[in-house]
C-alpha atoms as a PDB file:
ATOM      1  CA  MET A   1    -124.041 -42.539 128.169  1.00  0.00           C
ATOM      2  CA  THR A   2    -120.018 -42.285 128.838  1.00  0.00           C
ATOM      3  CA  THR A   3    -117.945 -45.099 128.597  1.00  0.00           C
ATOM      4  CA  VAL A   4    -114.937 -45.166 130.241  1.00  0.00           C
ATOM      5  CA  ARG A   5    -113.434 -44.705 126.729  1.00  0.00           C
ATOM      6  CA  GLN A   6    -114.643 -41.728 126.668  1.00  0.00           C
ATOM      7  CA  LEU A   7    -113.324 -40.585 130.171  1.00  0.00           C
ATOM      8  CA  LEU A   8    -109.929 -41.438 129.586  1.00  0.00           C
ATOM      9  CA  GLN A   9    -109.387 -39.375 126.621  1.00  0.00           C
ATOM     10  CA  ARG A  10    -110.525 -36.102 128.664  1.00  0.00           C
ATOM     11  CA  LYS A  11    -107.694 -36.551 130.730  1.00  0.00           C
ATOM     12  CA  PRO A  12    -103.670 -36.915 130.124  1.00  0.00           C
ATOM     13  CA  PRO A  13    -102.300 -39.828 128.269  1.00  0.00           C
ATOM     14  CA  GLY A  14    -100.317 -42.488 129.813  1.00  0.00           C
ATOM     15  CA  VAL A  15    -100.096 -43.508 132.834  1.00  0.00           C
ATOM     16  CA  TRP A  16     -97.743 -43.342 135.623  1.00  0.00           C
ATOM     17  CA  THR A  17     -96.885 -47.336 136.591  1.00  0.00           C
ATOM     18  CA  ILE A  18     -93.936 -48.741 139.034  1.00  0.00           C
ATOM     19  CA  GLY A  19     -92.746 -52.498 139.206  1.00  0.00           C
ATOM     20  CA  PRO A  20     -93.218 -55.105 142.179  1.00  0.00           C
ATOM     21  CA  GLU A  21     -89.466 -54.411 143.324  1.00  0.00           C
ATOM     22  CA  ALA A  22     -89.679 -50.836 143.220  1.00  0.00           C
ATOM     23  CA  THR A  23     -90.314 -49.512 147.258  1.00  0.00           C
ATOM     24  CA  VAL A  24     -92.714 -48.160 148.967  1.00  0.00           C
ATOM     25  CA  TYR A  25     -91.060 -45.686 149.508  1.00  0.00           C
ATOM     26  CA  GLU A  26     -90.142 -44.194 145.516  1.00  0.00           C
ATOM     27  CA  ALA A  27     -94.120 -45.419 145.176  1.00  0.00           C
ATOM     28  CA  LEU A  28     -94.972 -42.730 147.854  1.00  0.00           C
ATOM     29  CA  ALA A  29     -92.191 -40.108 146.237  1.00  0.00           C
ATOM     30  CA  LEU A  30     -94.324 -41.261 142.537  1.00  0.00           C
ATOM     31  CA  MET A  31     -97.187 -40.541 143.752  1.00  0.00           C
ATOM     32  CA  ALA A  32     -96.837 -37.169 145.632  1.00  0.00           C
ATOM     33  CA  LYS A  33     -94.918 -35.784 141.959  1.00  0.00           C
ATOM     34  CA  MET A  34     -97.599 -36.788 139.919  1.00  0.00           C
ATOM     35  CA  ASN A  35     -99.947 -36.286 142.720  1.00  0.00           C
ATOM     36  CA  ILE A  36    -102.009 -38.952 142.085  1.00  0.00           C
ATOM     37  CA  GLY A  37    -103.589 -41.732 144.528  1.00  0.00           C
ATOM     38  CA  ALA A  38    -102.698 -44.495 143.201  1.00  0.00           C
ATOM     39  CA  VAL A  39     -99.741 -46.246 140.607  1.00  0.00           C
ATOM     40  CA  PRO A  40    -100.411 -49.534 138.884  1.00  0.00           C
ATOM     41  CA  VAL A  41     -98.032 -52.142 139.503  1.00  0.00           C
ATOM     42  CA  ILE A  42     -96.945 -53.330 136.216  1.00  0.00           C
ATOM     43  CA  GLU A  43     -94.319 -56.666 136.231  1.00  0.00           C
ATOM     44  CA  GLY A  44     -92.631 -56.376 132.472  1.00  0.00           C
ATOM     45  CA  ASP A  45     -96.549 -55.654 130.272  1.00  0.00           C
ATOM     46  CA  VAL A  46     -98.088 -57.480 132.653  1.00  0.00           C
ATOM     47  CA  LEU A  47    -100.413 -55.440 135.344  1.00  0.00           C
ATOM     48  CA  THR A  48     -99.966 -57.463 138.413  1.00  0.00           C
ATOM     49  CA  GLY A  49    -101.088 -55.478 141.310  1.00  0.00           C
ATOM     50  CA  ILE A  50    -101.851 -51.822 141.812  1.00  0.00           C
ATOM     51  CA  PHE A  51    -100.432 -49.520 145.251  1.00  0.00           C
ATOM     52  CA  SER A  52    -103.194 -46.906 146.801  1.00  0.00           C
ATOM     53  CA  GLU A  53    -102.798 -44.161 149.593  1.00  0.00           C
ATOM     54  CA  ARG A  54    -104.685 -46.615 151.737  1.00  0.00           C
ATOM     55  CA  ASP A  55    -102.459 -50.065 151.481  1.00  0.00           C
ATOM     56  CA  TYR A  56    -100.024 -47.520 152.294  1.00  0.00           C
ATOM     57  CA  ALA A  57    -102.035 -46.324 155.534  1.00  0.00           C
ATOM     58  CA  ARG A  58    -102.934 -49.438 156.221  1.00  0.00           C
ATOM     59  CA  LYS A  59    -100.029 -51.931 155.371  1.00  0.00           C
ATOM     60  CA  VAL A  60     -97.339 -49.846 156.369  1.00  0.00           C
ATOM     61  CA  ILE A  61     -98.023 -47.104 159.211  1.00  0.00           C
ATOM     62  CA  LEU A  62    -100.966 -49.796 161.397  1.00  0.00           C
ATOM     63  CA  MET A  63     -97.925 -52.503 161.211  1.00  0.00           C
ATOM     64  CA  GLY A  64     -94.716 -50.873 161.764  1.00  0.00           C
ATOM     65  CA  ARG A  65     -93.212 -51.442 158.351  1.00  0.00           C
ATOM     66  CA  SER A  66     -90.557 -49.040 156.947  1.00  0.00           C
ATOM     67  CA  SER A  67     -91.077 -47.625 153.897  1.00  0.00           C
ATOM     68  CA  ARG A  68     -87.813 -47.485 152.471  1.00  0.00           C
ATOM     69  CA  GLU A  69     -86.849 -51.113 152.985  1.00  0.00           C
ATOM     70  CA  THR A  70     -90.709 -52.818 151.762  1.00  0.00           C
ATOM     71  CA  THR A  71     -91.589 -53.395 148.468  1.00  0.00           C
ATOM     72  CA  VAL A  72     -94.560 -52.981 146.067  1.00  0.00           C
ATOM     73  CA  GLY A  73     -94.625 -56.325 145.748  1.00  0.00           C
ATOM     74  CA  GLU A  74     -95.219 -57.203 149.356  1.00  0.00           C
ATOM     75  CA  LEU A  75     -98.334 -54.693 150.126  1.00  0.00           C
ATOM     76  CA  MET A  76     -99.577 -54.054 146.777  1.00  0.00           C
ATOM     77  CA  SER A  77    -103.593 -55.082 146.247  1.00  0.00           C
ATOM     78  CA  HIS A  78    -104.450 -58.830 143.690  1.00  0.00           C
ATOM     79  CA  PRO A  79    -105.585 -59.771 142.026  1.00  0.00           C
ATOM     80  CA  VAL A  80    -105.953 -56.641 140.225  1.00  0.00           C
ATOM     81  CA  VAL A  81    -109.670 -55.839 139.474  1.00  0.00           C
ATOM     82  CA  THR A  82    -110.307 -54.099 135.812  1.00  0.00           C
ATOM     83  CA  VAL A  83    -112.248 -52.830 133.625  1.00  0.00           C
ATOM     84  CA  ASN A  84    -112.799 -52.391 129.568  1.00  0.00           C
ATOM     85  CA  PRO A  85    -113.176 -48.727 128.435  1.00  0.00           C
ATOM     86  CA  ASP A  86    -115.999 -49.552 126.575  1.00  0.00           C
ATOM     87  CA  ILE A  87    -118.153 -49.653 130.085  1.00  0.00           C
ATOM     88  CA  PRO A  88    -120.580 -47.012 130.654  1.00  0.00           C
ATOM     89  CA  ILE A  89    -118.781 -45.065 133.546  1.00  0.00           C
ATOM     90  CA  GLU A  90    -122.126 -46.209 135.713  1.00  0.00           C
ATOM     91  CA  GLY A  91    -121.023 -49.784 135.748  1.00  0.00           C
ATOM     92  CA  CYS A  92    -117.947 -48.284 137.652  1.00  0.00           C
ATOM     93  CA  MET A  93    -119.107 -46.466 139.950  1.00  0.00           C
ATOM     94  CA  ALA A  94    -121.480 -49.599 141.003  1.00  0.00           C
ATOM     95  CA  LEU A  95    -118.420 -51.606 140.896  1.00  0.00           C
ATOM     96  CA  MET A  96    -116.147 -48.890 143.015  1.00  0.00           C
ATOM     97  CA  THR A  97    -118.438 -48.788 145.499  1.00  0.00           C
ATOM     98  CA  ASP A  98    -119.017 -52.255 145.980  1.00  0.00           C
ATOM     99  CA  ARG A  99    -115.826 -53.062 146.291  1.00  0.00           C
ATOM    100  CA  HIS A 100    -114.577 -50.090 148.242  1.00  0.00           C
ATOM    101  CA  PHE A 101    -112.091 -49.088 145.806  1.00  0.00           C
ATOM    102  CA  ARG A 102    -110.876 -45.232 144.349  1.00  0.00           C
ATOM    103  CA  HIS A 103    -108.958 -46.160 142.000  1.00  0.00           C
ATOM    104  CA  LEU A 104    -109.698 -48.641 138.496  1.00  0.00           C
ATOM    105  CA  PRO A 105    -106.866 -49.772 136.303  1.00  0.00           C
ATOM    106  CA  VAL A 106    -108.762 -49.589 132.495  1.00  0.00           C
ATOM    107  CA  VAL A 107    -107.047 -52.581 130.226  1.00  0.00           C
ATOM    108  CA  GLU A 108    -107.653 -53.626 126.864  1.00  0.00           C
ATOM    109  CA  GLU A 109    -106.380 -56.349 125.195  1.00  0.00           C
ATOM    110  CA  GLY A 110    -104.538 -56.884 127.947  1.00  0.00           C
ATOM    111  CA  ARG A 111    -102.911 -54.423 128.133  1.00  0.00           C
ATOM    112  CA  LEU A 112    -103.287 -51.381 130.021  1.00  0.00           C
ATOM    113  CA  ILE A 113    -104.281 -47.821 129.287  1.00  0.00           C
ATOM    114  CA  GLY A 114    -104.809 -46.232 131.412  1.00  0.00           C
ATOM    115  CA  ILE A 115    -106.656 -45.238 135.115  1.00  0.00           C
ATOM    116  CA  VAL A 116    -109.942 -43.739 136.515  1.00  0.00           C
ATOM    117  CA  SER A 117    -110.826 -42.872 139.832  1.00  0.00           C
ATOM    118  CA  ILE A 118    -113.838 -42.453 142.095  1.00  0.00           C
ATOM    119  CA  GLY A 119    -113.353 -38.423 141.666  1.00  0.00           C
ATOM    120  CA  ASP A 120    -113.121 -39.145 137.213  1.00  0.00           C
ATOM    121  CA  ILE A 121    -116.631 -40.554 137.536  1.00  0.00           C
ATOM    122  CA  GLY A 122    -117.900 -38.687 139.782  1.00  0.00           C
ATOM    123  CA  LYS A 123    -117.518 -36.100 137.423  1.00  0.00           C
ATOM    124  CA  ALA A 124    -118.648 -36.939 134.772  1.00  0.00           C
ATOM    125  CA  ILE A 125    -121.486 -38.690 135.841  1.00  0.00           C
ATOM    126  CA  ILE A 126    -122.256 -34.788 137.457  1.00  0.00           C
ATOM    127  CA  ALA A 127    -121.403 -33.537 133.856  1.00  0.00           C
ATOM    128  CA  ASP A 128    -123.511 -35.926 131.783  1.00  0.00           C
ATOM    129  CA  GLN A 129    -125.997 -35.345 134.492  1.00  0.00           C
ATOM    130  CA  ARG A 130    -125.524 -31.152 133.758  1.00  0.00           C
ATOM    131  CA  ILE A 131    -126.426 -32.469 130.013  1.00  0.00           C
ATOM    132  CA  PHE A 132    -129.563 -34.305 130.880  1.00  0.00           C
ATOM    133  CA  ILE A 133    -131.459 -31.871 132.951  1.00  0.00           C
ATOM    134  CA  HIS A 134    -130.524 -29.348 130.303  1.00  0.00           C
ATOM    135  CA  ASP A 135    -131.626 -31.234 127.872  1.00  0.00           C
ATOM    136  CA  LEU A 136    -134.790 -31.470 129.789  1.00  0.00           C
ATOM    137  CA  GLU A 137    -135.516 -27.730 130.157  1.00  0.00           C
ATOM    138  CA  SER A 138    -135.104 -27.362 127.068  1.00  0.00           C
ATOM    139  CA  TYR A 139    -138.230 -29.941 126.081  1.00  0.00           C
ATOM    140  CA  ILE A 140    -139.588 -28.684 129.212  1.00  0.00           C
ATOM    141  CA  THR A 141    -140.234 -24.715 128.459  1.00  0.00           C
ATOM    142  CA  GLY A 142    -139.931 -25.911 124.055  1.00  0.00           C
ATOM    143  CA  ALA A 143    -136.462 -23.835 124.106  1.00  0.00           C
ATOM    144  CA  PRO A 144    -133.618 -25.499 121.441  1.00  0.00           C
ATOM    145  CA  ALA A 145    -131.610 -27.425 123.293  1.00  0.00           C
END
């Protein structure tokens, strides 16, 4: 069973963040540049929210706001649901599915250490299932795994 920590080890190190005083436009520019769908919002060393493409679509565009004048702090999703890096990825999938979000910050000892997306989780689960199927086929046929 793959844990979130193991999944994070497969991803490039670090996590892009933004402050709550940044404009929505600045957040979108960062997200576009880094090809990410959400950015954790950090104030000091504290994770205070998360801003996603979904927040933009629902809270800026549909409400007639200006992305150059509205701050991330006004629109970020909070409080933030986080996970510990030692939980199995299946737990993340269930949490993300039940709560209808696509990005999940990973916190250890009160510090943000990464973020996983529903895509990251899906790919990891598929990889785990491929290994399981291969091992099962090897067992059934008597071939070495």
